[in-house]
């Protein structure tokens, strides 16, 4: 399942540097996660890197982009190939 940033975001920039897929981007008034690029860090790390660095717990599962581990792994492989 891709992650999303809710309206609790304070646009502190802590999460953006942690994303290996460059899925997090600044938007107005808070940041957004591109669900086509978010793999929950599968293919890079054991856990999503952005969640623990968020000081306000604004990063949550995106109910509109439900994916299983195999789908996230496939997406990660495709993103790596396109680099």
N, C-alpha and C. Protein backbone atom coordinates (compact mmCIF):
# COMPACT_ATOMS: atom_id res chain seq x y z
N UNK A 1 0.84 -1.17 0.00
CA UNK A 1 0.00 0.00 0.00
C UNK A 1 0.89 1.24 0.00
N UNK A 2 0.66 2.13 -0.90
CA UNK A 2 1.40 3.38 -0.91
C UNK A 2 1.02 4.18 0.34
N UNK A 3 1.89 5.09 0.69
CA UNK A 3 1.64 5.95 1.83
C UNK A 3 1.12 7.29 1.33
N UNK A 4 0.56 8.07 2.25
CA UNK A 4 0.10 9.41 1.93
C UNK A 4 0.42 10.33 3.11
N UNK A 5 0.43 11.61 2.84
CA UNK A 5 0.67 12.60 3.88
C UNK A 5 -0.65 13.33 4.11
N UNK A 6 -1.10 13.32 5.36
CA UNK A 6 -2.38 13.96 5.65
C UNK A 6 -2.19 15.44 6.00
N UNK A 7 -3.27 16.10 6.34
CA UNK A 7 -3.23 17.54 6.56
C UNK A 7 -2.58 17.96 7.88
N UNK A 8 -2.05 17.01 8.62
CA UNK A 8 -1.27 17.33 9.82
C UNK A 8 0.15 17.78 9.46
N UNK A 9 0.53 17.59 8.20
CA UNK A 9 1.89 17.92 7.73
C UNK A 9 2.23 19.38 8.03
N UNK A 10 3.46 19.59 8.52
CA UNK A 10 3.94 20.94 8.79
C UNK A 10 5.02 21.36 7.78
N UNK A 11 5.18 20.59 6.71
CA UNK A 11 6.14 20.88 5.64
C UNK A 11 7.55 21.13 6.16
N UNK A 12 8.00 20.26 7.05
CA UNK A 12 9.31 20.42 7.68
C UNK A 12 10.45 19.90 6.81
N UNK A 13 10.15 19.11 5.79
CA UNK A 13 11.12 18.56 4.84
C UNK A 13 11.87 17.34 5.37
N UNK A 14 11.56 16.86 6.56
CA UNK A 14 12.27 15.71 7.13
C UNK A 14 12.06 14.44 6.31
N UNK A 15 10.87 14.24 5.81
CA UNK A 15 10.55 12.99 5.10
C UNK A 15 11.15 12.93 3.71
N UNK A 16 11.22 14.06 3.04
CA UNK A 16 11.62 14.06 1.63
C UNK A 16 13.02 13.50 1.43
N UNK A 17 13.93 13.83 2.30
CA UNK A 17 15.31 13.35 2.18
C UNK A 17 15.43 11.85 2.42
N UNK A 18 14.45 11.27 3.08
CA UNK A 18 14.50 9.85 3.43
C UNK A 18 13.98 8.93 2.33
N UNK A 19 13.29 9.47 1.35
CA UNK A 19 12.64 8.64 0.34
C UNK A 19 13.60 8.22 -0.77
N UNK A 20 13.89 6.92 -0.90
CA UNK A 20 14.81 6.47 -1.94
C UNK A 20 14.23 6.55 -3.35
N UNK A 21 12.92 6.68 -3.46
CA UNK A 21 12.26 6.72 -4.77
C UNK A 21 11.88 8.14 -5.20
N UNK A 22 12.25 9.12 -4.40
CA UNK A 22 11.90 10.51 -4.68
C UNK A 22 10.39 10.67 -4.92
N UNK A 23 9.62 9.98 -4.08
CA UNK A 23 8.16 10.01 -4.21
C UNK A 23 7.53 11.17 -3.45
N UNK A 24 8.28 11.80 -2.57
CA UNK A 24 7.73 12.88 -1.75
C UNK A 24 8.12 14.22 -2.34
N UNK A 25 7.11 15.08 -2.47
CA UNK A 25 7.35 16.39 -3.08
C UNK A 25 6.60 17.47 -2.31
N UNK A 26 7.13 18.67 -2.38
CA UNK A 26 6.47 19.81 -1.74
C UNK A 26 5.23 20.19 -2.53
N UNK A 27 4.19 20.52 -1.82
CA UNK A 27 2.96 21.02 -2.42
C UNK A 27 2.43 22.08 -1.46
N UNK A 28 1.39 22.73 -1.81
CA UNK A 28 0.89 23.79 -0.98
C UNK A 28 -0.43 23.36 -0.36
N UNK A 29 -0.59 23.31 0.93
CA UNK A 29 0.30 23.81 1.97
C UNK A 29 1.20 22.75 2.59
N UNK A 30 1.04 21.48 2.21
CA UNK A 30 1.88 20.44 2.79
C UNK A 30 2.42 19.53 1.70
N UNK A 31 3.20 18.55 2.09
CA UNK A 31 3.85 17.66 1.14
C UNK A 31 2.89 16.58 0.67
N UNK A 32 3.23 15.96 -0.46
CA UNK A 32 2.44 14.87 -1.02
C UNK A 32 3.36 13.72 -1.40
N UNK A 33 2.79 12.53 -1.45
CA UNK A 33 3.52 11.34 -1.87
C UNK A 33 2.91 10.85 -3.17
N UNK A 34 3.74 10.67 -4.18
CA UNK A 34 3.28 10.14 -5.47
C UNK A 34 3.07 8.63 -5.30
N UNK A 35 1.83 8.16 -5.38
CA UNK A 35 1.58 6.73 -5.18
C UNK A 35 2.21 5.85 -6.24
N UNK A 36 2.51 6.40 -7.40
CA UNK A 36 3.16 5.62 -8.44
C UNK A 36 4.64 5.40 -8.16
N UNK A 37 5.21 6.15 -7.24
CA UNK A 37 6.62 6.02 -6.90
C UNK A 37 6.84 5.44 -5.50
N UNK A 38 5.80 5.46 -4.66
CA UNK A 38 5.94 4.98 -3.28
C UNK A 38 5.88 3.45 -3.24
N UNK A 39 6.95 2.85 -2.70
CA UNK A 39 7.00 1.40 -2.52
C UNK A 39 7.10 1.03 -1.04
N UNK A 40 6.86 2.02 -0.16
CA UNK A 40 7.06 1.83 1.27
C UNK A 40 8.49 1.38 1.55
N UNK A 41 9.41 1.80 0.71
CA UNK A 41 10.85 1.53 0.80
C UNK A 41 11.22 0.07 0.52
N UNK A 42 10.25 -0.73 0.06
CA UNK A 42 10.57 -2.11 -0.32
C UNK A 42 11.55 -2.05 -1.48
N UNK A 43 12.56 -2.88 -1.38
CA UNK A 43 13.63 -2.87 -2.37
C UNK A 43 14.83 -2.07 -1.89
N UNK A 44 14.64 -1.33 -0.80
CA UNK A 44 15.72 -0.54 -0.22
C UNK A 44 15.90 -0.82 1.27
N UNK A 45 14.80 -0.79 2.02
CA UNK A 45 14.85 -0.93 3.48
C UNK A 45 13.74 -1.87 3.95
N UNK A 46 13.84 -2.28 5.21
CA UNK A 46 12.84 -3.17 5.79
C UNK A 46 11.53 -2.46 6.13
N UNK A 47 11.62 -1.17 6.43
CA UNK A 47 10.46 -0.38 6.82
C UNK A 47 10.49 0.95 6.07
N UNK A 48 9.35 1.61 5.94
CA UNK A 48 9.35 2.94 5.32
C UNK A 48 10.21 3.90 6.15
N UNK A 49 11.10 4.60 5.50
CA UNK A 49 12.00 5.53 6.19
C UNK A 49 11.33 6.83 6.59
N UNK A 50 10.29 7.22 5.88
CA UNK A 50 9.68 8.53 6.13
C UNK A 50 8.85 8.57 7.41
N UNK A 51 8.23 7.47 7.77
CA UNK A 51 7.32 7.47 8.92
C UNK A 51 8.02 7.85 10.23
N UNK A 52 9.16 7.23 10.57
CA UNK A 52 9.75 7.56 11.86
C UNK A 52 10.35 8.97 11.95
N UNK A 53 10.64 9.61 10.84
CA UNK A 53 11.22 10.96 10.90
C UNK A 53 10.16 12.05 10.94
N UNK A 54 8.91 11.72 10.69
CA UNK A 54 7.85 12.72 10.69
C UNK A 54 7.53 13.13 12.13
N UNK A 55 7.74 14.41 12.46
CA UNK A 55 7.53 14.85 13.84
C UNK A 55 6.06 14.95 14.26
N UNK A 56 5.14 14.90 13.31
CA UNK A 56 3.72 15.04 13.64
C UNK A 56 2.89 13.83 13.23
N UNK A 57 3.53 12.74 12.85
CA UNK A 57 2.83 11.50 12.45
C UNK A 57 1.82 11.74 11.33
N UNK A 58 2.24 12.49 10.32
CA UNK A 58 1.35 12.83 9.21
C UNK A 58 1.39 11.81 8.07
N UNK A 59 2.26 10.83 8.14
CA UNK A 59 2.38 9.85 7.05
C UNK A 59 1.65 8.58 7.45
N UNK A 60 0.67 8.24 6.63
CA UNK A 60 -0.23 7.12 6.93
C UNK A 60 -0.47 6.29 5.66
N UNK A 61 -0.99 5.07 5.81
CA UNK A 61 -1.33 4.28 4.62
C UNK A 61 -2.39 4.99 3.78
N UNK A 62 -2.27 4.88 2.48
CA UNK A 62 -3.21 5.50 1.55
C UNK A 62 -4.30 4.48 1.20
N UNK A 63 -5.52 4.68 1.70
CA UNK A 63 -6.58 3.70 1.45
C UNK A 63 -7.00 3.62 -0.02
N UNK A 64 -6.62 4.60 -0.82
CA UNK A 64 -6.96 4.59 -2.24
C UNK A 64 -5.92 3.88 -3.10
N UNK A 65 -4.82 3.45 -2.49
CA UNK A 65 -3.74 2.79 -3.22
C UNK A 65 -3.27 1.56 -2.45
N UNK A 66 -4.11 0.58 -2.39
CA UNK A 66 -3.81 -0.65 -1.66
C UNK A 66 -3.01 -1.59 -2.55
N UNK A 67 -1.83 -1.98 -2.06
CA UNK A 67 -0.96 -2.90 -2.79
C UNK A 67 -0.38 -3.91 -1.81
N UNK A 68 -0.17 -5.14 -2.28
CA UNK A 68 0.46 -6.13 -1.41
C UNK A 68 1.98 -6.08 -1.60
N UNK A 69 2.69 -6.87 -0.84
CA UNK A 69 4.15 -6.87 -0.86
C UNK A 69 4.69 -7.18 -2.25
N UNK A 70 4.09 -8.14 -2.93
CA UNK A 70 4.56 -8.51 -4.26
C UNK A 70 4.40 -7.35 -5.25
N UNK A 71 3.28 -6.65 -5.17
CA UNK A 71 3.06 -5.50 -6.05
C UNK A 71 4.05 -4.38 -5.75
N UNK A 72 4.32 -4.13 -4.48
CA UNK A 72 5.29 -3.10 -4.11
C UNK A 72 6.70 -3.49 -4.57
N UNK A 73 7.03 -4.76 -4.43
CA UNK A 73 8.34 -5.24 -4.88
C UNK A 73 8.47 -5.08 -6.41
N UNK A 74 7.43 -5.42 -7.14
CA UNK A 74 7.44 -5.26 -8.60
C UNK A 74 7.60 -3.78 -8.98
N UNK A 75 6.86 -2.92 -8.31
CA UNK A 75 6.96 -1.49 -8.58
C UNK A 75 8.39 -0.99 -8.32
N UNK A 76 8.99 -1.45 -7.23
CA UNK A 76 10.36 -1.07 -6.90
C UNK A 76 11.32 -1.50 -8.00
N UNK A 77 11.17 -2.72 -8.48
CA UNK A 77 12.05 -3.22 -9.56
C UNK A 77 11.88 -2.39 -10.82
N UNK A 78 10.64 -2.03 -11.15
CA UNK A 78 10.39 -1.21 -12.34
C UNK A 78 10.99 0.18 -12.20
N UNK A 79 10.89 0.76 -11.02
CA UNK A 79 11.47 2.10 -10.80
C UNK A 79 13.00 2.05 -10.91
N UNK A 80 13.60 1.00 -10.38
CA UNK A 80 15.06 0.86 -10.46
C UNK A 80 15.52 0.71 -11.91
N UNK A 81 14.76 -0.01 -12.70
CA UNK A 81 15.11 -0.21 -14.12
C UNK A 81 15.01 1.09 -14.91
N UNK A 82 14.09 1.96 -14.52
CA UNK A 82 13.90 3.20 -15.27
C UNK A 82 14.92 4.30 -14.88
N UNK A 83 15.71 4.03 -13.87
CA UNK A 83 16.70 5.04 -13.44
C UNK A 83 17.86 5.13 -14.38
